[in-house]
Structures are given as structure tokens and as C-alpha cells.
């Protein structure tokens, strides 16, 4: 069972939507290499609004993910790709069907 999650909202600079979509698609193998990341979803909320939802069994796995390769890559390209800083919300999972 997962007990922790993250919701990350990403507002994209105009004209960078395709780059962000490709970045998120290519991030999948990085996340798959993280043993503590139980579920990971890259989503599009609207024309320039994207997000990531991921779930973890515990706080240690969530912290490891926040210090992992995807977070590092996002940080390195944030000024280039996003109109504002990524909005990271930590969540407690009450129930799941994974």
C-alpha cells in the first residue's frame, strides 16, 4: 500500500509545450529505476498546464524521489521551460487500488 504522494503542477512558458511533453515522456525510465516510486503519472491539465502525480510506500521513498534524477533534471531546466516555479504539494494517501 502507498501512504505518501506528490502532486506537481507545471505552468509552461509559451512555445515550450512540446519540449515539456517530451521531457516528461523521457523521464519515465528514470522513475522506473527508483525502487520506492510505486506509481508515476505525467499528465496534461490544459494547453500550457502539465503535472506529475506519484505515489510512494513511505516518507523515505518520497524523499528519495524528491532528491532523484527527475527532480534534478526539472530543476536544471526550470527557468527555460516554466513560467513559474513548479508547485509541489505533498499528500497523504488514504486508500489505493494499486
C-alpha atoms as a PDB file:
ATOM      1  CA  UNK A   1       0.000   0.000   0.000  1.00  0.00           C
ATOM      2  CA  UNK A   2       1.119   3.521  -0.691  1.00  0.00           C
ATOM      3  CA  UNK A   3       0.852   6.107   2.061  1.00  0.00           C
ATOM      4  CA  UNK A   4       2.517   9.196   0.552  1.00  0.00           C
ATOM      5  CA  UNK A   5       2.187  11.050  -2.746  1.00  0.00           C
ATOM      6  CA  UNK A   6       3.180  14.187  -4.609  1.00  0.00           C
ATOM      7  CA  UNK A   7       1.259  16.396  -6.994  1.00  0.00           C
ATOM      8  CA  UNK A   8       3.476  18.694  -9.029  1.00  0.00           C
ATOM      9  CA  UNK A   9       1.873  21.385 -11.199  1.00  0.00           C
ATOM     10  CA  UNK A  10       3.925  22.818 -14.046  1.00  0.00           C
ATOM     11  CA  UNK A  11       2.961  26.006 -15.892  1.00  0.00           C
ATOM     12  CA  UNK A  12       4.858  26.069 -19.179  1.00  0.00           C
ATOM     13  CA  UNK A  13       6.348  29.061 -20.970  1.00  0.00           C
ATOM     14  CA  UNK A  14       4.635  29.832 -24.262  1.00  0.00           C
ATOM     15  CA  UNK A  15       6.031  27.765 -27.098  1.00  0.00           C
ATOM     16  CA  UNK A  16       7.680  25.205 -24.792  1.00  0.00           C
ATOM     17  CA  UNK A  17       4.727  22.822 -24.534  1.00  0.00           C
ATOM     18  CA  UNK A  18       6.159  20.202 -26.913  1.00  0.00           C
ATOM     19  CA  UNK A  19       9.515  20.285 -25.099  1.00  0.00           C
ATOM     20  CA  UNK A  20       7.848  19.734 -21.727  1.00  0.00           C
ATOM     21  CA  UNK A  21       5.762  16.880 -23.099  1.00  0.00           C
ATOM     22  CA  UNK A  22       8.897  15.221 -24.480  1.00  0.00           C
ATOM     23  CA  UNK A  23      10.787  15.861 -21.226  1.00  0.00           C
ATOM     24  CA  UNK A  24       8.039  14.129 -19.235  1.00  0.00           C
ATOM     25  CA  UNK A  25       7.915  11.166 -21.618  1.00  0.00           C
ATOM     26  CA  UNK A  26      11.687  10.685 -21.448  1.00  0.00           C
ATOM     27  CA  UNK A  27      11.648  10.913 -17.645  1.00  0.00           C
ATOM     28  CA  UNK A  28       9.797   7.602 -17.364  1.00  0.00           C
ATOM     29  CA  UNK A  29      12.918   5.362 -17.422  1.00  0.00           C
ATOM     30  CA  UNK A  30      14.482   7.498 -14.683  1.00  0.00           C
ATOM     31  CA  UNK A  31      11.445   6.970 -12.471  1.00  0.00           C
ATOM     32  CA  UNK A  32      11.261   3.264 -13.289  1.00  0.00           C
ATOM     33  CA  UNK A  33      14.776   2.940 -11.836  1.00  0.00           C
ATOM     34  CA  UNK A  34      13.548   4.229  -8.459  1.00  0.00           C
ATOM     35  CA  UNK A  35      12.524   1.206  -6.387  1.00  0.00           C
ATOM     36  CA  UNK A  36      10.459   3.311  -3.964  1.00  0.00           C
ATOM     37  CA  UNK A  37       8.275   5.010  -6.566  1.00  0.00           C
ATOM     38  CA  UNK A  38       5.155   2.839  -6.702  1.00  0.00           C
ATOM     39  CA  UNK A  39       3.223   4.882  -9.274  1.00  0.00           C
ATOM     40  CA  UNK A  40       4.126   7.823 -11.508  1.00  0.00           C
ATOM     41  CA  UNK A  41       1.898   9.708 -13.914  1.00  0.00           C
ATOM     42  CA  UNK A  42       2.781  12.604 -16.198  1.00  0.00           C
ATOM     43  CA  UNK A  43      -0.403  14.470 -17.150  1.00  0.00           C
ATOM     44  CA  UNK A  44      -1.606  17.455 -19.112  1.00  0.00           C
ATOM     45  CA  UNK A  45      -4.258  19.616 -17.447  1.00  0.00           C
ATOM     46  CA  UNK A  46      -4.612  22.094 -20.319  1.00  0.00           C
ATOM     47  CA  UNK A  47      -2.770  23.808 -23.182  1.00  0.00           C
ATOM     48  CA  UNK A  48       0.149  25.031 -21.045  1.00  0.00           C
ATOM     49  CA  UNK A  49      -0.519  23.278 -17.752  1.00  0.00           C
ATOM     50  CA  UNK A  50       1.126  19.934 -17.015  1.00  0.00           C
ATOM     51  CA  UNK A  51       1.619  17.864 -13.919  1.00  0.00           C
ATOM     52  CA  UNK A  52       3.148  14.853 -12.260  1.00  0.00           C
ATOM     53  CA  UNK A  53       1.407  12.630  -9.739  1.00  0.00           C
ATOM     54  CA  UNK A  54       3.448   9.994  -7.974  1.00  0.00           C
ATOM     55  CA  UNK A  55       2.893   7.656  -5.044  1.00  0.00           C
ATOM     56  CA  UNK A  56       5.200   6.021  -2.508  1.00  0.00           C
ATOM     57  CA  UNK A  57       5.015   3.446   0.263  1.00  0.00           C
ATOM     58  CA  UNK A  58       6.501   5.813   2.859  1.00  0.00           C
ATOM     59  CA  UNK A  59       8.156   9.160   3.539  1.00  0.00           C
ATOM     60  CA  UNK A  60      11.666   7.802   2.889  1.00  0.00           C
ATOM     61  CA  UNK A  61      10.735   6.786  -0.662  1.00  0.00           C
ATOM     62  CA  UNK A  62       9.093  10.154  -1.302  1.00  0.00           C
ATOM     63  CA  UNK A  63      12.186  11.985  -0.034  1.00  0.00           C
ATOM     64  CA  UNK A  64      14.438   9.817  -2.206  1.00  0.00           C
ATOM     65  CA  UNK A  65      12.328  10.681  -5.251  1.00  0.00           C
ATOM     66  CA  UNK A  66      12.479  14.401  -4.470  1.00  0.00           C
ATOM     67  CA  UNK A  67      16.269  14.084  -4.462  1.00  0.00           C
ATOM     68  CA  UNK A  68      16.357  11.898  -7.565  1.00  0.00           C
ATOM     69  CA  UNK A  69      17.182  12.286 -11.228  1.00  0.00           C
ATOM     70  CA  UNK A  70      13.838  13.666 -12.423  1.00  0.00           C
ATOM     71  CA  UNK A  71      13.768  16.377  -9.751  1.00  0.00           C
ATOM     72  CA  UNK A  72      17.345  17.308 -10.621  1.00  0.00           C
ATOM     73  CA  UNK A  73      16.568  17.491 -14.344  1.00  0.00           C
ATOM     74  CA  UNK A  74      13.443  19.580 -13.690  1.00  0.00           C
ATOM     75  CA  UNK A  75      15.470  21.968 -11.566  1.00  0.00           C
ATOM     76  CA  UNK A  76      18.137  22.332 -14.239  1.00  0.00           C
ATOM     77  CA  UNK A  77      15.583  23.261 -16.916  1.00  0.00           C
ATOM     78  CA  UNK A  78      13.002  25.117 -14.814  1.00  0.00           C
ATOM     79  CA  UNK A  79      13.941  28.642 -15.920  1.00  0.00           C
ATOM     80  CA  UNK A  80      13.949  27.576 -19.565  1.00  0.00           C
ATOM     81  CA  UNK A  81      10.686  25.611 -19.605  1.00  0.00           C
ATOM     82  CA  UNK A  82       8.371  27.002 -16.947  1.00  0.00           C
ATOM     83  CA  UNK A  83       6.704  30.375 -16.439  1.00  0.00           C
ATOM     84  CA  UNK A  84       6.726  29.868 -12.652  1.00  0.00           C
ATOM     85  CA  UNK A  85       8.370  27.540 -10.181  1.00  0.00           C
ATOM     86  CA  UNK A  86       6.881  24.039 -10.074  1.00  0.00           C
ATOM     87  CA  UNK A  87       4.160  23.868  -7.418  1.00  0.00           C
ATOM     88  CA  UNK A  88       4.810  20.775  -5.282  1.00  0.00           C
ATOM     89  CA  UNK A  89       2.067  19.518  -2.980  1.00  0.00           C
ATOM     90  CA  UNK A  90       2.737  16.657  -0.571  1.00  0.00           C
ATOM     91  CA  UNK A  91      -0.201  14.351   0.027  1.00  0.00           C
ATOM     92  CA  UNK A  92      -1.163  11.535   2.376  1.00  0.00           C
ATOM     93  CA  UNK A  93      -2.833   8.634   0.568  1.00  0.00           C
ATOM     94  CA  UNK A  94      -5.932   7.317   2.346  1.00  0.00           C
ATOM     95  CA  UNK A  95      -6.674   4.363   0.052  1.00  0.00           C
ATOM     96  CA  UNK A  96      -5.424   2.880  -3.212  1.00  0.00           C
ATOM     97  CA  UNK A  97      -6.080   0.074  -5.687  1.00  0.00           C
ATOM     98  CA  UNK A  98      -2.544  -0.461  -6.926  1.00  0.00           C
END
